C-alpha atoms as a PDB file:
ATOM      1  CA  MET A   1     -34.635 -10.502  33.236  1.00  0.00           C
ATOM      2  CA  GLU A   2     -34.810 -10.142  36.532  1.00  0.00           C
ATOM      3  CA  ARG A   3     -33.832 -13.871  37.305  1.00  0.00           C
ATOM      4  CA  ARG A   4     -30.517 -12.858  35.203  1.00  0.00           C
ATOM      5  CA  SER A   5     -29.672  -9.769  37.128  1.00  0.00           C
ATOM      6  CA  LEU A   6     -30.088 -12.411  40.352  1.00  0.00           C
ATOM      7  CA  GLU A   7     -27.626 -14.871  39.128  1.00  0.00           C
ATOM      8  CA  TRP A   8     -25.168 -12.318  37.864  1.00  0.00           C
ATOM      9  CA  GLU A   9     -25.098 -10.782  41.605  1.00  0.00           C
ATOM     10  CA  ARG A  10     -24.438 -14.193  43.150  1.00  0.00           C
ATOM     11  CA  ALA A  11     -21.746 -15.043  41.350  1.00  0.00           C
ATOM     12  CA  PRO A  12     -18.375 -14.843  42.920  1.00  0.00           C
ATOM     13  CA  ARG A  13     -16.593 -11.595  41.765  1.00  0.00           C
ATOM     14  CA  ALA A  14     -13.661 -13.264  40.193  1.00  0.00           C
ATOM     15  CA  CYS A  15     -16.143 -15.007  37.934  1.00  0.00           C
ATOM     16  CA  ARG A  16     -17.693 -11.755  37.128  1.00  0.00           C
ATOM     17  CA  PHE A  17     -13.989 -10.601  36.097  1.00  0.00           C
ATOM     18  CA  ALA A  18     -13.474 -13.110  34.128  1.00  0.00           C
ATOM     19  CA  LEU A  19     -16.504 -13.307  32.331  1.00  0.00           C
ATOM     20  CA  LEU A  20     -16.183  -9.384  31.484  1.00  0.00           C
ATOM     21  CA  ALA A  21     -12.095 -10.306  30.532  1.00  0.00           C
ATOM     22  CA  LEU A  22     -13.878 -12.884  27.984  1.00  0.00           C
ATOM     23  CA  ALA A  23     -16.264 -10.195  26.563  1.00  0.00           C
ATOM     24  CA  ALA A  24     -13.840  -7.613  26.004  1.00  0.00           C
ATOM     25  CA  ALA A  25     -11.377  -9.869  24.278  1.00  0.00           C
ATOM     26  CA  ALA A  26     -14.384 -10.810  22.023  1.00  0.00           C
ATOM     27  CA  PHE A  27     -15.328  -7.935  21.150  1.00  0.00           C
ATOM     28  CA  LEU A  28     -11.558  -6.360  20.543  1.00  0.00           C
ATOM     29  CA  GLY A  29     -11.129  -9.672  18.398  1.00  0.00           C
ATOM     30  CA  ALA A  30     -14.241  -8.746  16.423  1.00  0.00           C
ATOM     31  CA  CYS A  31     -12.519  -5.273  15.829  1.00  0.00           C
ATOM     32  CA  ASP A  32      -9.372  -6.308  14.874  1.00  0.00           C
ATOM     33  CA  ALA A  33     -10.686  -8.744  12.354  1.00  0.00           C
ATOM     34  CA  ARG A  34      -9.715  -7.940   8.738  1.00  0.00           C
ATOM     35  CA  GLN A  35     -12.866  -7.055   6.629  1.00  0.00           C
ATOM     36  CA  PRO A  36     -12.685  -8.536   2.643  1.00  0.00           C
ATOM     37  CA  VAL A  37     -12.958  -5.281   0.305  1.00  0.00           C
ATOM     38  CA  ALA A  38     -15.186  -7.444  -1.175  1.00  0.00           C
ATOM     39  CA  GLN A  39     -17.651  -6.575   1.928  1.00  0.00           C
ATOM     40  CA  GLY A  40     -16.142  -3.365   3.224  1.00  0.00           C
ATOM     41  CA  GLY A  41     -15.037  -1.484  -0.631  1.00  0.00           C
ATOM     42  CA  ALA A  42     -12.253   0.483  -0.145  1.00  0.00           C
ATOM     43  CA  ALA A  43     -13.188   1.881   3.471  1.00  0.00           C
ATOM     44  CA  ALA A  44     -12.141  -1.544   4.374  1.00  0.00           C
ATOM     45  CA  LEU A  45      -8.677  -0.887   3.182  1.00  0.00           C
ATOM     46  CA  SER A  46      -8.326   2.369   6.030  1.00  0.00           C
ATOM     47  CA  ARG A  47      -9.580   0.354   8.549  1.00  0.00           C
ATOM     48  CA  ASN A  48      -7.551  -2.630   8.053  1.00  0.00           C
ATOM     49  CA  LEU A  49      -4.282  -0.584   7.762  1.00  0.00           C
ATOM     50  CA  ALA A  50      -4.749   0.993  11.197  1.00  0.00           C
ATOM     51  CA  HIS A  51      -4.719  -2.561  12.636  1.00  0.00           C
ATOM     52  CA  ALA A  52      -1.833  -4.124  10.490  1.00  0.00           C
ATOM     53  CA  ARG A  53       1.060  -4.801  12.829  1.00  0.00           C
ATOM     54  CA  ALA A  54       3.646  -3.168  11.019  1.00  0.00           C
ATOM     55  CA  VAL A  55       4.697  -1.857   7.816  1.00  0.00           C
ATOM     56  CA  GLU A  56       7.118  -3.933   5.374  1.00  0.00           C
ATOM     57  CA  ILE A  57       9.544  -2.417   2.347  1.00  0.00           C
ATOM     58  CA  HIS A  58      10.178  -4.994  -0.056  1.00  0.00           C
ATOM     59  CA  VAL A  59      12.302  -5.500  -2.278  1.00  0.00           C
ATOM     60  CA  GLU A  60      14.344  -8.178  -4.361  1.00  0.00           C
ATOM     61  CA  GLU A  61      17.831  -5.817  -5.180  1.00  0.00           C
ATOM     62  CA  ASP A  62      20.212  -5.810  -2.585  1.00  0.00           C
ATOM     63  CA  GLU A  63      21.642  -2.242  -3.945  1.00  0.00           C
ATOM     64  CA  ALA A  64      18.309  -0.496  -2.939  1.00  0.00           C
ATOM     65  CA  ALA A  65      18.351  -1.663   0.661  1.00  0.00           C
ATOM     66  CA  GLU A  66      20.681   0.185   2.401  1.00  0.00           C
ATOM     67  CA  ALA A  67      18.461   3.501   0.991  1.00  0.00           C
ATOM     68  CA  LEU A  68      15.248   2.134   2.125  1.00  0.00           C
ATOM     69  CA  ARG A  69      16.499   1.242   5.651  1.00  0.00           C
ATOM     70  CA  ARG A  70      17.301   5.001   5.940  1.00  0.00           C
ATOM     71  CA  LEU A  71      13.528   5.865   4.449  1.00  0.00           C
ATOM     72  CA  ALA A  72      12.258   3.330   7.471  1.00  0.00           C
ATOM     73  CA  ALA A  73      14.369   4.804   9.980  1.00  0.00           C
ATOM     74  CA  LEU A  74      12.908   8.298   9.370  1.00  0.00           C
ATOM     75  CA  GLU A  75       9.105   6.903   9.279  1.00  0.00           C
ATOM     76  CA  ARG A  76      10.071   4.701  12.769  1.00  0.00           C
ATOM     77  CA  ALA A  77      11.583   8.229  14.321  1.00  0.00           C
ATOM     78  CA  ARG A  78       8.416  10.085  12.986  1.00  0.00           C
ATOM     79  CA  SER A  79       5.498   8.375  13.725  1.00  0.00           C
ATOM     80  CA  GLY A  80       6.798   5.225  16.282  1.00  0.00           C
ATOM     81  CA  ARG A  81       5.500   2.082  13.944  1.00  0.00           C
ATOM     82  CA  ASP A  82       7.405  -0.785  13.258  1.00  0.00           C
ATOM     83  CA  VAL A  83       8.755  -0.276   9.591  1.00  0.00           C
ATOM     84  CA  ARG A  84      11.598  -3.155   8.174  1.00  0.00           C
ATOM     85  CA  VAL A  85      12.708  -3.147   5.021  1.00  0.00           C
ATOM     86  CA  LEU A  86      12.789  -7.305   3.609  1.00  0.00           C
ATOM     87  CA  VAL A  87      14.706  -8.270   0.747  1.00  0.00           C
ATOM     88  CA  GLN A  88      13.545 -11.470  -0.710  1.00  0.00           C
ATOM     89  CA  SER A  89      11.508 -12.835   2.366  1.00  0.00           C
ATOM     90  CA  PRO A  90       7.949 -13.607   2.236  1.00  0.00           C
ATOM     91  CA  GLY A  91       7.604 -11.500   5.632  1.00  0.00           C
ATOM     92  CA  ASP A  92       4.513 -10.996   7.903  1.00  0.00           C
ATOM     93  CA  PRO A  93       1.157 -11.651   6.472  1.00  0.00           C
ATOM     94  CA  ASP A  94      -0.267  -9.117   8.758  1.00  0.00           C
ATOM     95  CA  ALA A  95       1.951  -6.350   7.755  1.00  0.00           C
ATOM     96  CA  ALA A  96       1.223  -3.867   5.365  1.00  0.00           C
ATOM     97  CA  ARG A  97       3.788  -3.520   2.630  1.00  0.00           C
ATOM     98  CA  ILE A  98       5.509  -0.941   0.717  1.00  0.00           C
ATOM     99  CA  VAL A  99       6.836  -2.849  -2.585  1.00  0.00           C
ATOM    100  CA  VAL A 100       9.683  -0.866  -4.621  1.00  0.00           C
ATOM    101  CA  GLY A 101      10.596  -2.371  -8.313  1.00  0.00           C
ATOM    102  CA  THR A 102      11.331  -1.960 -11.826  1.00  0.00           C
ATOM    103  CA  PRO A 103       9.348  -3.828 -14.573  1.00  0.00           C
ATOM    104  CA  ARG A 104      12.023  -6.727 -13.996  1.00  0.00           C
ATOM    105  CA  SER A 105      11.556  -7.425 -10.792  1.00  0.00           C
ATOM    106  CA  GLY A 106       9.076 -10.122  -9.758  1.00  0.00           C
ATOM    107  CA  VAL A 107       6.783  -8.996  -7.345  1.00  0.00           C
ATOM    108  CA  ALA A 108       6.534  -5.454  -8.318  1.00  0.00           C
ATOM    109  CA  ALA A 109       6.229  -6.700 -12.211  1.00  0.00           C
ATOM    110  CA  THR A 110       2.854  -8.961 -11.057  1.00  0.00           C
ATOM    111  CA  LEU A 111       1.631  -5.853  -8.659  1.00  0.00           C
ATOM    112  CA  ALA A 112       1.966  -3.314 -11.815  1.00  0.00           C
ATOM    113  CA  ALA A 113       0.127  -5.799 -14.030  1.00  0.00           C
ATOM    114  CA  ARG A 114      -2.556  -5.818 -11.624  1.00  0.00           C
ATOM    115  CA  ALA A 115      -2.659  -2.131 -10.747  1.00  0.00           C
ATOM    116  CA  GLY A 116      -3.187  -1.778 -14.647  1.00  0.00           C
ATOM    117  CA  PHE A 117       0.419  -0.617 -15.999  1.00  0.00           C
ATOM    118  CA  ALA A 118       1.076  -2.586 -19.248  1.00  0.00           C
ATOM    119  CA  LEU A 119       4.746  -4.019 -18.740  1.00  0.00           C
ATOM    120  CA  ARG A 120       7.323  -3.482 -21.658  1.00  0.00           C
ATOM    121  CA  PRO A 121       9.212  -6.809 -22.745  1.00  0.00           C
ATOM    122  CA  THR A 122      12.202  -7.800 -20.175  1.00  0.00           C
ATOM    123  CA  ASP A 123      15.160  -6.967 -22.732  1.00  0.00           C
ATOM    124  CA  THR A 124      13.384  -3.146 -23.170  1.00  0.00           C
ATOM    125  CA  PRO A 125      12.717  -0.719 -19.999  1.00  0.00           C
ATOM    126  CA  GLY A 126       9.503   0.883 -19.610  1.00  0.00           C
ATOM    127  CA  PHE A 127       5.782   0.685 -19.154  1.00  0.00           C
ATOM    128  CA  ARG A 128       2.906   2.233 -19.941  1.00  0.00           C
ATOM    129  CA  VAL A 129       0.027   3.763 -18.174  1.00  0.00           C
ATOM    130  CA  ALA A 130      -3.484   4.817 -19.955  1.00  0.00           C
ATOM    131  CA  ASP A 131      -2.132   6.031 -23.130  1.00  0.00           C
ATOM    132  CA  LEU A 132       1.323   7.039 -21.800  1.00  0.00           C
ATOM    133  CA  ASP A 133       4.909   5.474 -22.368  1.00  0.00           C
ATOM    134  CA  HIS A 134       7.303   5.549 -19.072  1.00  0.00           C
ATOM    135  CA  ASP A 135      10.836   5.025 -20.986  1.00  0.00           C
ATOM    136  CA  ALA A 136      13.272   7.129 -19.045  1.00  0.00           C
ATOM    137  CA  PRO A 137      15.475   5.923 -16.490  1.00  0.00           C
ATOM    138  CA  GLU A 138      13.835   8.500 -14.217  1.00  0.00           C
ATOM    139  CA  ASP A 139      10.482   7.939 -15.065  1.00  0.00           C
ATOM    140  CA  ALA A 140       8.072   6.272 -12.073  1.00  0.00           C
ATOM    141  CA  ALA A 141       4.426   5.579 -10.755  1.00  0.00           C
ATOM    142  CA  ARG A 142       2.929   4.644  -7.218  1.00  0.00           C
ATOM    143  CA  ALA A 143       0.056   2.724  -6.673  1.00  0.00           C
ATOM    144  CA  THR A 144      -1.906   1.587  -3.789  1.00  0.00           C
ATOM    145  CA  PHE A 145      -4.869  -0.982  -3.857  1.00  0.00           C
ATOM    146  CA  GLU A 146      -5.917  -4.277  -2.300  1.00  0.00           C
ATOM    147  CA  ASP A 147      -2.708  -6.381  -1.345  1.00  0.00           C
ATOM    148  CA  PRO A 148      -3.497  -9.610  -3.903  1.00  0.00           C
ATOM    149  CA  ASP A 149      -1.200 -11.849  -0.841  1.00  0.00           C
ATOM    150  CA  ARG A 150      -2.782 -10.252   1.977  1.00  0.00           C
ATOM    151  CA  PRO A 151      -6.613  -9.747   1.238  1.00  0.00           C
ATOM    152  CA  GLY A 152      -7.576  -6.664   2.965  1.00  0.00           C
ATOM    153  CA  LEU A 153      -4.731  -4.929   3.435  1.00  0.00           C
ATOM    154  CA  PRO A 154      -3.426  -2.384   1.342  1.00  0.00           C
ATOM    155  CA  VAL A 155      -0.194  -2.570  -0.785  1.00  0.00           C
ATOM    156  CA  THR A 156       1.721   0.400  -2.232  1.00  0.00           C
ATOM    157  CA  LEU A 157       3.900   0.005  -4.976  1.00  0.00           C
ATOM    158  CA  TRP A 158       6.543   2.111  -5.991  1.00  0.00           C
ATOM    159  CA  LEU A 159       7.974   1.382  -9.634  1.00  0.00           C
ATOM    160  CA  GLY A 160      10.753   2.922 -11.659  1.00  0.00           C
ATOM    161  CA  ASN A 161      12.666   2.023 -14.788  1.00  0.00           C
ATOM    162  CA  ASP A 162      16.004   2.496 -12.802  1.00  0.00           C
ATOM    163  CA  LEU A 163      16.535   1.677  -9.020  1.00  0.00           C
ATOM    164  CA  ALA A 164      19.086   3.740  -8.613  1.00  0.00           C
ATOM    165  CA  ARG A 165      16.668   6.844  -9.564  1.00  0.00           C
ATOM    166  CA  LEU A 166      13.629   5.482  -8.258  1.00  0.00           C
ATOM    167  CA  VAL A 167      14.767   5.185  -4.448  1.00  0.00           C
ATOM    168  CA  PRO A 168      15.669   8.861  -3.936  1.00  0.00           C
ATOM    169  CA  GLN A 169      12.383   9.663  -5.574  1.00  0.00           C
ATOM    170  CA  ILE A 170      10.080   7.909  -2.566  1.00  0.00           C
ATOM    171  CA  GLU A 171       8.611  10.461  -0.657  1.00  0.00           C
ATOM    172  CA  ASP A 172       8.332   8.471   2.629  1.00  0.00           C
ATOM    173  CA  ALA A 173       7.668   5.012   3.801  1.00  0.00           C
ATOM    174  CA  ILE A 174       3.959   5.700   4.906  1.00  0.00           C
ATOM    175  CA  PRO A 175       1.382   3.177   3.872  1.00  0.00           C
ATOM    176  CA  ARG A 176      -1.383   4.517   1.746  1.00  0.00           C
ATOM    177  CA  ALA A 177      -4.773   3.343   1.678  1.00  0.00           C
ATOM    178  CA  SER A 178      -6.663   4.861  -0.675  1.00  0.00           C
ATOM    179  CA  PRO A 179      -6.734   3.280  -4.057  1.00  0.00           C
ATOM    180  CA  SER A 180      -5.190   5.322  -6.606  1.00  0.00           C
ATOM    181  CA  PHE A 181      -1.952   5.666  -8.917  1.00  0.00           C
ATOM    182  CA  ALA A 182       0.437   8.498  -9.659  1.00  0.00           C
ATOM    183  CA  THR A 183       2.874   9.100 -12.661  1.00  0.00           C
ATOM    184  CA  TRP A 184       6.031  10.831 -13.245  1.00  0.00           C
ATOM    185  CA  ARG A 185       8.033  11.597 -16.529  1.00  0.00           C
ATOM    186  CA  GLY A 186      11.516  13.195 -16.190  1.00  0.00           C
ATOM    187  CA  GLY A 187      10.499  13.316 -12.444  1.00  0.00           C
ATOM    188  CA  ASP A 188       7.396  15.770 -13.233  1.00  0.00           C
ATOM    189  CA  PRO A 189       3.982  14.653 -12.478  1.00  0.00           C
ATOM    190  CA  VAL A 190       2.070  13.528 -15.748  1.00  0.00           C
ATOM    191  CA  LEU A 191      -0.672  11.346 -14.302  1.00  0.00           C
ATOM    192  CA  ARG A 192      -2.529  10.519 -11.370  1.00  0.00           C
ATOM    193  CA  GLY A 193      -6.121   8.971 -10.693  1.00  0.00           C
ATOM    194  CA  PRO A 194      -7.976   6.634  -8.493  1.00  0.00           C
ATOM    195  CA  LEU A 195      -7.867   2.653  -8.963  1.00  0.00           C
ATOM    196  CA  ALA A 196     -10.725  -0.267  -8.362  1.00  0.00           C
ATOM    197  CA  ALA A 197     -10.170  -1.435  -5.242  1.00  0.00           C
ATOM    198  CA  ARG A 198      -8.424  -4.483  -6.465  1.00  0.00           C
ATOM    199  CA  GLY A 199      -6.392  -2.799  -9.025  1.00  0.00           C
ATOM    200  CA  GLY A 200      -6.974  -1.543 -12.344  1.00  0.00           C
ATOM    201  CA  VAL A 201      -6.838   2.251 -13.691  1.00  0.00           C
ATOM    202  CA  VAL A 202     -10.632   3.966 -14.188  1.00  0.00           C
ATOM    203  CA  PRO A 203     -10.345   5.284 -17.533  1.00  0.00           C
ATOM    204  CA  GLY A 204     -12.656   8.178 -17.110  1.00  0.00           C
ATOM    205  CA  GLU A 205     -11.458   9.574 -14.187  1.00  0.00           C
ATOM    206  CA  ILE A 206      -7.384   9.981 -15.143  1.00  0.00           C
ATOM    207  CA  GLU A 207      -6.021  13.652 -14.558  1.00  0.00           C
ATOM    208  CA  ARG A 208      -3.160  14.633 -17.048  1.00  0.00           C
ATOM    209  CA  LEU A 209      -0.980  16.978 -14.936  1.00  0.00           C
ATOM    210  CA  GLY A 210       1.474  16.861 -17.894  1.00  0.00           C
ATOM    211  CA  ILE A 211      -0.683  17.974 -20.599  1.00  0.00           C
ATOM    212  CA  ALA A 212      -2.137  20.807 -18.122  1.00  0.00           C
ATOM    213  CA  ARG A 213       1.383  22.227 -17.531  1.00  0.00           C
ATOM    214  CA  LEU A 214       2.297  22.272 -21.037  1.00  0.00           C
ATOM    215  CA  ALA A 215      -0.663  24.013 -22.125  1.00  0.00           C
ATOM    216  CA  LEU A 216       0.030  26.696 -19.365  1.00  0.00           C
ATOM    217  CA  ARG A 217       3.736  26.931 -20.641  1.00  0.00           C
ATOM    218  CA  GLY A 218       2.182  27.475 -23.988  1.00  0.00           C
ATOM    219  CA  ALA A 219       0.474  30.374 -23.125  1.00  0.00           C
ATOM    220  CA  VAL A 220       2.801  32.200 -21.384  1.00  0.00           C
END
């Protein structure tokens, strides 16, 4: 140990600085490494999100892009984060995704199925969460879980039967990290609960907000 200390003291100062820089870079690289959910659990999604290069809002339909760009601009001004809107683009694999679409949108439909939502046939709009149908144009859902295309990062899905009604319901352009879901019918919240880290509704932990609200109304 003493010999190593002497060798360090004898080393040229420039060499010592270079070694320290390499050690710091290795440490930062280890901190920024994306931890798989299989190793770190749901908490890994939050840690990985903190190091995500950017936030991307993905949509397949051009008509929704302009309103989403306004939402992204508000979030950039609020947080200073790089928030982009992409239309039918694969994007940056190191960015966290927010995906907006309907049951007829390819990527959104795939993610909805992974979240545990049952989709209707393509000629019949609507989806089912737990045992509750969401058929109306204004019905919507939000779900967050591990992105199957970007392992280790969370994806937040906004799903609705009608894009023109869905986009105004989107609260913000903030990517979530906690695996969870929420649904709305007629603009009112009706279901919420946790998801498995890789997607999938947890049946015994669903909170039925709509039923509670109706019970309260009946008691008045």
